[in-house]
């Protein structure tokens, strides 16, 4: 089992799973993330990264989303493991 390590989503390695703990800000981007289902307690898996690392693709609920690193940096998470 991986120890729970707080970080931001842009730092999560490929294949890792994490739980959302917070989203920075109360602006339009924060609202957009909430509308897409990025809410506290949801599990996210990093499933792909572009060749230069930006954007990244995540799995959230039953959907895949692409996020730029500047957006992912606003999402605070705790690492919980890797894909089984």
PDB file of N, CA and C in Angstrom:
ATOM      1  N   UNK A   1       0.840  -1.190   0.000  1.00  0.00           N
ATOM      2  CA  UNK A   1       0.000   0.000   0.000  1.00  0.00           C
ATOM      3  C   UNK A   1       0.879   1.245   0.000  1.00  0.00           C
ATOM      4  N   UNK A   2       0.517   2.215  -0.815  1.00  0.00           N
ATOM      5  CA  UNK A   2       1.248   3.474  -0.907  1.00  0.00           C
ATOM      6  C   UNK A   2       0.793   4.394   0.222  1.00  0.00           C
ATOM      7  N   UNK A   3       1.743   5.015   0.947  1.00  0.00           N
ATOM      8  CA  UNK A   3       1.321   5.956   1.984  1.00  0.00           C
ATOM      9  C   UNK A   3       0.607   7.146   1.364  1.00  0.00           C
ATOM     10  N   UNK A   4      -0.316   7.715   2.105  1.00  0.00           N
ATOM     11  CA  UNK A   4      -1.050   8.876   1.603  1.00  0.00           C
ATOM     12  C   UNK A   4      -0.124  10.088   1.581  1.00  0.00           C
ATOM     13  N   UNK A   5       0.077  10.630   0.386  1.00  0.00           N
ATOM     14  CA  UNK A   5       0.994  11.747   0.201  1.00  0.00           C
ATOM     15  C   UNK A   5       0.235  12.896  -0.452  1.00  0.00           C
ATOM     16  N   UNK A   6       0.126  14.046   0.224  1.00  0.00           N
ATOM     17  CA  UNK A   6      -0.568  15.182  -0.396  1.00  0.00           C
ATOM     18  C   UNK A   6       0.300  15.840  -1.463  1.00  0.00           C
ATOM     19  N   UNK A   7      -0.312  16.238  -2.553  1.00  0.00           N
ATOM     20  CA  UNK A   7       0.381  16.902  -3.657  1.00  0.00           C
ATOM     21  C   UNK A   7      -0.662  17.591  -4.524  1.00  0.00           C
ATOM     22  N   UNK A   8      -0.260  18.081  -5.681  1.00  0.00           N
ATOM     23  CA  UNK A   8      -1.217  18.604  -6.655  1.00  0.00           C
ATOM     24  C   UNK A   8      -1.230  17.664  -7.854  1.00  0.00           C
ATOM     25  N   UNK A   9      -2.321  17.679  -8.600  1.00  0.00           N
ATOM     26  CA  UNK A   9      -2.528  16.707  -9.669  1.00  0.00           C
ATOM     27  C   UNK A   9      -1.447  16.771 -10.744  1.00  0.00           C
ATOM     28  N   UNK A  10      -0.895  17.933 -11.015  1.00  0.00           N
ATOM     29  CA  UNK A  10       0.148  18.031 -12.047  1.00  0.00           C
ATOM     30  C   UNK A  10       1.410  17.255 -11.690  1.00  0.00           C
ATOM     31  N   UNK A  11       1.599  16.903 -10.422  1.00  0.00           N
ATOM     32  CA  UNK A  11       2.785  16.159  -9.965  1.00  0.00           C
ATOM     33  C   UNK A  11       2.545  14.657  -9.856  1.00  0.00           C
ATOM     34  N   UNK A  12       1.329  14.212 -10.107  1.00  0.00           N
ATOM     35  CA  UNK A  12       0.995  12.790  -9.968  1.00  0.00           C
ATOM     36  C   UNK A  12       1.550  12.028 -11.171  1.00  0.00           C
ATOM     37  N   UNK A  13       2.280  10.929 -10.929  1.00  0.00           N
ATOM     38  CA  UNK A  13       2.865  10.182 -12.043  1.00  0.00           C
ATOM     39  C   UNK A  13       1.835   9.386 -12.839  1.00  0.00           C
ATOM     40  N   UNK A  14       2.204   9.071 -14.052  1.00  0.00           N
ATOM     41  CA  UNK A  14       1.372   8.262 -14.937  1.00  0.00           C
ATOM     42  C   UNK A  14       1.034   6.934 -14.261  1.00  0.00           C
ATOM     43  N   UNK A  15      -0.238   6.556 -14.308  1.00  0.00           N
ATOM     44  CA  UNK A  15      -0.698   5.299 -13.734  1.00  0.00           C
ATOM     45  C   UNK A  15      -1.086   5.374 -12.271  1.00  0.00           C
ATOM     46  N   UNK A  16      -0.817   6.497 -11.626  1.00  0.00           N
ATOM     47  CA  UNK A  16      -1.129   6.639 -10.207  1.00  0.00           C
ATOM     48  C   UNK A  16      -2.587   7.036 -10.007  1.00  0.00           C
ATOM     49  N   UNK A  17      -3.119   6.639  -8.852  1.00  0.00           N
ATOM     50  CA  UNK A  17      -4.473   7.012  -8.455  1.00  0.00           C
ATOM     51  C   UNK A  17      -4.371   7.951  -7.259  1.00  0.00           C
ATOM     52  N   UNK A  18      -5.352   8.838  -7.154  1.00  0.00           N
ATOM     53  CA  UNK A  18      -5.355   9.796  -6.067  1.00  0.00           C
ATOM     54  C   UNK A  18      -6.783  10.214  -5.750  1.00  0.00           C
ATOM     55  N   UNK A  19      -6.940  10.814  -4.583  1.00  0.00           N
ATOM     56  CA  UNK A  19      -8.229  11.361  -4.162  1.00  0.00           C
ATOM     57  C   UNK A  19      -8.136  12.878  -4.127  1.00  0.00           C
ATOM     58  N   UNK A  20      -9.155  13.531  -4.638  1.00  0.00           N
ATOM     59  CA  UNK A  20      -9.211  14.996  -4.612  1.00  0.00           C
ATOM     60  C   UNK A  20      -9.443  15.449  -3.172  1.00  0.00           C
ATOM     61  N   UNK A  21      -8.614  16.391  -2.709  1.00  0.00           N
ATOM     62  CA  UNK A  21      -8.785  16.931  -1.363  1.00  0.00           C
ATOM     63  C   UNK A  21      -9.236  18.388  -1.373  1.00  0.00           C
ATOM     64  N   UNK A  22      -8.934  19.117  -2.460  1.00  0.00           N
ATOM     65  CA  UNK A  22      -9.341  20.531  -2.547  1.00  0.00           C
ATOM     66  C   UNK A  22      -9.070  21.062  -3.947  1.00  0.00           C
ATOM     67  N   UNK A  23      -9.741  22.156  -4.274  1.00  0.00           N
ATOM     68  CA  UNK A  23      -9.491  22.892  -5.516  1.00  0.00           C
ATOM     69  C   UNK A  23      -9.214  24.335  -5.128  1.00  0.00           C
ATOM     70  N   UNK A  24      -8.100  24.872  -5.613  1.00  0.00           N
ATOM     71  CA  UNK A  24      -7.745  26.262  -5.313  1.00  0.00           C
ATOM     72  C   UNK A  24      -8.662  27.224  -6.052  1.00  0.00           C
ATOM     73  N   UNK A  25      -9.063  28.274  -5.357  1.00  0.00           N
ATOM     74  CA  UNK A  25      -9.779  29.369  -5.986  1.00  0.00           C
ATOM     75  C   UNK A  25     -11.285  29.192  -6.041  1.00  0.00           C
ATOM     76  N   UNK A  26     -11.959  30.275  -6.416  1.00  0.00           N
ATOM     77  CA  UNK A  26     -13.419  30.271  -6.557  1.00  0.00           C
ATOM     78  C   UNK A  26     -13.812  30.946  -7.867  1.00  0.00           C
ATOM     79  N   UNK A  27     -12.917  30.851  -8.848  1.00  0.00           N
ATOM     80  CA  UNK A  27     -13.133  31.509 -10.128  1.00  0.00           C
ATOM     81  C   UNK A  27     -13.822  30.587 -11.137  1.00  0.00           C
ATOM     82  N   UNK A  28     -13.849  31.015 -12.385  1.00  0.00           N
ATOM     83  CA  UNK A  28     -14.516  30.263 -13.445  1.00  0.00           C
ATOM     84  C   UNK A  28     -13.886  28.884 -13.643  1.00  0.00           C
ATOM     85  N   UNK A  29     -12.561  28.779 -13.555  1.00  0.00           N
ATOM     86  CA  UNK A  29     -11.905  27.478 -13.710  1.00  0.00           C
ATOM     87  C   UNK A  29     -12.310  26.529 -12.591  1.00  0.00           C
ATOM     88  N   UNK A  30     -12.355  27.017 -11.365  1.00  0.00           N
ATOM     89  CA  UNK A  30     -12.768  26.174 -10.244  1.00  0.00           C
ATOM     90  C   UNK A  30     -14.196  25.672 -10.452  1.00  0.00           C
ATOM     91  N   UNK A  31     -15.083  26.531 -10.919  1.00  0.00           N
ATOM     92  CA  UNK A  31     -16.467  26.116 -11.188  1.00  0.00           C
ATOM     93  C   UNK A  31     -16.517  25.080 -12.303  1.00  0.00           C
ATOM     94  N   UNK A  32     -15.708  25.281 -13.352  1.00  0.00           N
ATOM     95  CA  UNK A  32     -15.652  24.331 -14.467  1.00  0.00           C
ATOM     96  C   UNK A  32     -15.195  22.956 -13.979  1.00  0.00           C
ATOM     97  N   UNK A  33     -14.174  22.928 -13.137  1.00  0.00           N
ATOM     98  CA  UNK A  33     -13.685  21.656 -12.602  1.00  0.00           C
ATOM     99  C   UNK A  33     -14.763  20.960 -11.773  1.00  0.00           C
ATOM    100  N   UNK A  34     -15.460  21.729 -10.952  1.00  0.00           N
ATOM    101  CA  UNK A  34     -16.549  21.161 -10.149  1.00  0.00           C
ATOM    102  C   UNK A  34     -17.653  20.603 -11.037  1.00  0.00           C
ATOM    103  N   UNK A  35     -18.000  21.323 -12.095  1.00  0.00           N
ATOM    104  CA  UNK A  35     -19.041  20.861 -13.018  1.00  0.00           C
ATOM    105  C   UNK A  35     -18.640  19.577 -13.735  1.00  0.00           C
ATOM    106  N   UNK A  36     -17.334  19.378 -13.948  1.00  0.00           N
ATOM    107  CA  UNK A  36     -16.849  18.161 -14.602  1.00  0.00           C
ATOM    108  C   UNK A  36     -16.755  16.989 -13.627  1.00  0.00           C
ATOM    109  N   UNK A  37     -17.028  17.238 -12.343  1.00  0.00           N
ATOM    110  CA  UNK A  37     -17.007  16.160 -11.362  1.00  0.00           C
ATOM    111  C   UNK A  37     -15.761  16.094 -10.512  1.00  0.00           C
ATOM    112  N   UNK A  38     -14.883  17.081 -10.662  1.00  0.00           N
ATOM    113  CA  UNK A  38     -13.673  17.124  -9.843  1.00  0.00           C
ATOM    114  C   UNK A  38     -14.064  17.735  -8.500  1.00  0.00           C
ATOM    115  N   UNK A  39     -14.484  16.873  -7.583  1.00  0.00           N
ATOM    116  CA  UNK A  39     -14.933  17.325  -6.268  1.00  0.00           C
ATOM    117  C   UNK A  39     -14.189  16.550  -5.185  1.00  0.00           C
ATOM    118  N   UNK A  40     -14.153  17.118  -4.007  1.00  0.00           N
ATOM    119  CA  UNK A  40     -13.463  16.503  -2.884  1.00  0.00           C
ATOM    120  C   UNK A  40     -13.949  15.072  -2.666  1.00  0.00           C
ATOM    121  N   UNK A  41     -12.998  14.157  -2.539  1.00  0.00           N
ATOM    122  CA  UNK A  41     -13.314  12.755  -2.286  1.00  0.00           C
ATOM    123  C   UNK A  41     -13.373  11.882  -3.526  1.00  0.00           C
ATOM    124  N   UNK A  42     -13.418  12.493  -4.721  1.00  0.00           N
ATOM    125  CA  UNK A  42     -13.459  11.700  -5.959  1.00  0.00           C
ATOM    126  C   UNK A  42     -12.081  11.126  -6.265  1.00  0.00           C
ATOM    127  N   UNK A  43     -12.073   9.914  -6.828  1.00  0.00           N
ATOM    128  CA  UNK A  43     -10.827   9.272  -7.224  1.00  0.00           C
ATOM    129  C   UNK A  43     -10.487   9.641  -8.664  1.00  0.00           C
ATOM    130  N   UNK A  44      -9.229   9.944  -8.892  1.00  0.00           N
ATOM    131  CA  UNK A  44      -8.707  10.279 -10.218  1.00  0.00           C
ATOM    132  C   UNK A  44      -7.535   9.358 -10.508  1.00  0.00           C
ATOM    133  N   UNK A  45      -7.437   8.919 -11.766  1.00  0.00           N
ATOM    134  CA  UNK A  45      -6.271   8.159 -12.210  1.00  0.00           C
ATOM    135  C   UNK A  45      -5.639   8.899 -13.386  1.00  0.00           C
ATOM    136  N   UNK A  46      -4.336   9.070 -13.347  1.00  0.00           N
ATOM    137  CA  UNK A  46      -3.614   9.685 -14.466  1.00  0.00           C
ATOM    138  C   UNK A  46      -3.365   8.587 -15.490  1.00  0.00           C
ATOM    139  N   UNK A  47      -3.986   8.714 -16.687  1.00  0.00           N
ATOM    140  CA  UNK A  47      -3.904   7.629 -17.667  1.00  0.00           C
ATOM    141  C   UNK A  47      -3.021   7.954 -18.869  1.00  0.00           C
ATOM    142  N   UNK A  48      -2.653   9.202 -19.085  1.00  0.00           N
ATOM    143  CA  UNK A  48      -1.771   9.543 -20.211  1.00  0.00           C
ATOM    144  C   UNK A  48      -1.213  10.947 -20.027  1.00  0.00           C
ATOM    145  N   UNK A  49      -0.083  11.174 -20.677  1.00  0.00           N
ATOM    146  CA  UNK A  49       0.520  12.507 -20.734  1.00  0.00           C
ATOM    147  C   UNK A  49       1.021  12.731 -22.148  1.00  0.00           C
ATOM    148  N   UNK A  50       0.918  13.946 -22.612  1.00  0.00           N
ATOM    149  CA  UNK A  50       1.464  14.300 -23.924  1.00  0.00           C
ATOM    150  C   UNK A  50       2.986  14.134 -23.880  1.00  0.00           C
ATOM    151  N   UNK A  51       3.628  14.010 -25.036  1.00  0.00           N
ATOM    152  CA  UNK A  51       5.079  13.797 -25.071  1.00  0.00           C
ATOM    153  C   UNK A  51       5.898  14.795 -24.245  1.00  0.00           C
ATOM    154  N   UNK A  52       5.490  16.034 -24.184  1.00  0.00           N
ATOM    155  CA  UNK A  52       6.207  17.017 -23.374  1.00  0.00           C
ATOM    156  C   UNK A  52       5.576  17.199 -21.994  1.00  0.00           C
ATOM    157  N   UNK A  53       4.619  16.335 -21.631  1.00  0.00           N
ATOM    158  CA  UNK A  53       4.027  16.348 -20.301  1.00  0.00           C
ATOM    159  C   UNK A  53       2.784  17.198 -20.134  1.00  0.00           C
ATOM    160  N   UNK A  54       2.381  17.924 -21.157  1.00  0.00           N
ATOM    161  CA  UNK A  54       1.234  18.816 -21.038  1.00  0.00           C
ATOM    162  C   UNK A  54       0.468  18.800 -22.359  1.00  0.00           C
ATOM    163  N   UNK A  55      -0.798  18.462 -22.393  1.00  0.00           N
ATOM    164  CA  UNK A  55      -1.702  18.197 -21.276  1.00  0.00           C
ATOM    165  C   UNK A  55      -1.583  16.758 -20.766  1.00  0.00           C
ATOM    166  N   UNK A  56      -2.369  16.488 -19.739  1.00  0.00           N
ATOM    167  CA  UNK A  56      -2.461  15.150 -19.173  1.00  0.00           C
ATOM    168  C   UNK A  56      -3.893  14.660 -19.346  1.00  0.00           C
ATOM    169  N   UNK A  57      -4.053  13.340 -19.383  1.00  0.00           N
ATOM    170  CA  UNK A  57      -5.391  12.761 -19.462  1.00  0.00           C
ATOM    171  C   UNK A  57      -5.651  12.022 -18.165  1.00  0.00           C
ATOM    172  N   UNK A  58      -6.844  12.245 -17.612  1.00  0.00           N
ATOM    173  CA  UNK A  58      -7.214  11.587 -16.358  1.00  0.00           C
ATOM    174  C   UNK A  58      -8.500  10.801 -16.545  1.00  0.00           C
ATOM    175  N   UNK A  59      -8.679   9.809 -15.693  1.00  0.00           N
ATOM    176  CA  UNK A  59      -9.946   9.082 -15.630  1.00  0.00           C
ATOM    177  C   UNK A  59     -10.630   9.529 -14.346  1.00  0.00           C
ATOM    178  N   UNK A  60     -11.868   9.978 -14.499  1.00  0.00           N
ATOM    179  CA  UNK A  60     -12.672  10.473 -13.383  1.00  0.00           C
ATOM    180  C   UNK A  60     -14.064   9.921 -13.562  1.00  0.00           C
ATOM    181  N   UNK A  61     -14.545   9.187 -12.579  1.00  0.00           N
ATOM    182  CA  UNK A  61     -15.820   8.489 -12.691  1.00  0.00           C
ATOM    183  C   UNK A  61     -15.725   7.573 -13.912  1.00  0.00           C
ATOM    184  N   UNK A  62     -16.610   7.665 -14.867  1.00  0.00           N
ATOM    185  CA  UNK A  62     -16.549   6.832 -16.070  1.00  0.00           C
ATOM    186  C   UNK A  62     -16.127   7.640 -17.289  1.00  0.00           C
ATOM    187  N   UNK A  63     -15.430   8.740 -17.066  1.00  0.00           N
ATOM    188  CA  UNK A  63     -15.039   9.626 -18.166  1.00  0.00           C
ATOM    189  C   UNK A  63     -13.536   9.839 -18.196  1.00  0.00           C
ATOM    190  N   UNK A  64     -13.048  10.214 -19.366  1.00  0.00           N
ATOM    191  CA  UNK A  64     -11.662  10.648 -19.519  1.00  0.00           C
ATOM    192  C   UNK A  64     -11.676  12.141 -19.797  1.00  0.00           C
ATOM    193  N   UNK A  65     -10.805  12.867 -19.112  1.00  0.00           N
ATOM    194  CA  UNK A  65     -10.711  14.313 -19.281  1.00  0.00           C
ATOM    195  C   UNK A  65      -9.270  14.697 -19.557  1.00  0.00           C
ATOM    196  N   UNK A  66      -9.069  15.704 -20.371  1.00  0.00           N
ATOM    197  CA  UNK A  66      -7.734  16.258 -20.590  1.00  0.00           C
ATOM    198  C   UNK A  66      -7.626  17.569 -19.830  1.00  0.00           C
ATOM    199  N   UNK A  67      -6.528  17.717 -19.110  1.00  0.00           N
ATOM    200  CA  UNK A  67      -6.275  18.934 -18.344  1.00  0.00           C
ATOM    201  C   UNK A  67      -4.877  19.439 -18.646  1.00  0.00           C
ATOM    202  N   UNK A  68      -4.743  20.739 -18.739  1.00  0.00           N
ATOM    203  CA  UNK A  68      -3.418  21.341 -18.850  1.00  0.00           C
ATOM    204  C   UNK A  68      -2.790  21.364 -17.461  1.00  0.00           C
ATOM    205  N   UNK A  69      -1.476  21.389 -17.407  1.00  0.00           N
ATOM    206  CA  UNK A  69      -0.800  21.382 -16.109  1.00  0.00           C
ATOM    207  C   UNK A  69      -1.191  22.575 -15.246  1.00  0.00           C
ATOM    208  N   UNK A  70      -1.416  23.735 -15.866  1.00  0.00           N
ATOM    209  CA  UNK A  70      -1.816  24.909 -15.100  1.00  0.00           C
ATOM    210  C   UNK A  70      -3.168  24.670 -14.415  1.00  0.00           C
ATOM    211  N   UNK A  71      -4.049  23.903 -15.043  1.00  0.00           N
ATOM    212  CA  UNK A  71      -5.340  23.550 -14.436  1.00  0.00           C
ATOM    213  C   UNK A  71      -5.145  22.480 -13.367  1.00  0.00           C
ATOM    214  N   UNK A  72      -4.349  21.460 -13.684  1.00  0.00           N
ATOM    215  CA  UNK A  72      -4.115  20.357 -12.746  1.00  0.00           C
ATOM    216  C   UNK A  72      -3.424  20.840 -11.475  1.00  0.00           C
ATOM    217  N   UNK A  73      -2.623  21.885 -11.594  1.00  0.00           N
ATOM    218  CA  UNK A  73      -1.910  22.434 -10.438  1.00  0.00           C
ATOM    219  C   UNK A  73      -2.874  23.004  -9.398  1.00  0.00           C
ATOM    220  N   UNK A  74      -4.078  23.314  -9.796  1.00  0.00           N
ATOM    221  CA  UNK A  74      -5.087  23.872  -8.879  1.00  0.00           C
ATOM    222  C   UNK A  74      -5.802  22.786  -8.075  1.00  0.00           C
ATOM    223  N   UNK A  75      -5.608  21.517  -8.459  1.00  0.00           N
ATOM    224  CA  UNK A  75      -6.317  20.400  -7.830  1.00  0.00           C
ATOM    225  C   UNK A  75      -5.389  19.721  -6.826  1.00  0.00           C
ATOM    226  N   UNK A  76      -5.730  19.809  -5.553  1.00  0.00           N
ATOM    227  CA  UNK A  76      -4.952  19.158  -4.498  1.00  0.00           C
ATOM    228  C   UNK A  76      -5.465  17.736  -4.324  1.00  0.00           C
ATOM    229  N   UNK A  77      -4.524  16.806  -4.229  1.00  0.00           N
ATOM    230  CA  UNK A  77      -4.869  15.390  -4.153  1.00  0.00           C
ATOM    231  C   UNK A  77      -3.988  14.685  -3.131  1.00  0.00           C
ATOM    232  N   UNK A  78      -4.412  13.473  -2.776  1.00  0.00           N
ATOM    233  CA  UNK A  78      -3.613  12.571  -1.965  1.00  0.00           C
ATOM    234  C   UNK A  78      -3.426  11.297  -2.758  1.00  0.00           C
ATOM    235  N   UNK A  79      -2.174  10.890  -2.962  1.00  0.00           N
ATOM    236  CA  UNK A  79      -1.887   9.654  -3.687  1.00  0.00           C
ATOM    237  C   UNK A  79      -2.402   8.461  -2.899  1.00  0.00           C
ATOM    238  N   UNK A  80      -3.044   7.511  -3.609  1.00  0.00           N
ATOM    239  CA  UNK A  80      -3.571   6.322  -2.932  1.00  0.00           C
ATOM    240  C   UNK A  80      -3.081   5.027  -3.547  1.00  0.00           C
ATOM    241  N   UNK A  81      -2.363   5.079  -4.658  1.00  0.00           N
ATOM    242  CA  UNK A  81      -1.847   3.851  -5.245  1.00  0.00           C
ATOM    243  C   UNK A  81      -1.718   3.954  -6.746  1.00  0.00           C
ATOM    244  N   UNK A  82      -1.480   2.790  -7.361  1.00  0.00           N
ATOM    245  CA  UNK A  82      -1.387   2.702  -8.810  1.00  0.00           C
ATOM    246  C   UNK A  82      -2.474   1.788  -9.313  1.00  0.00           C
ATOM    247  N   UNK A  83      -2.697   1.831 -10.620  1.00  0.00           N
ATOM    248  CA  UNK A  83      -3.733   0.990 -11.226  1.00  0.00           C
ATOM    249  C   UNK A  83      -3.381  -0.472 -11.009  1.00  0.00           C
ATOM    250  N   UNK A  84      -4.338  -1.290 -10.532  1.00  0.00           N
ATOM    251  CA  UNK A  84      -4.047  -2.712 -10.266  1.00  0.00           C
ATOM    252  C   UNK A  84      -3.689  -3.475 -11.512  1.00  0.00           C
TER     253      UNK A  84
END
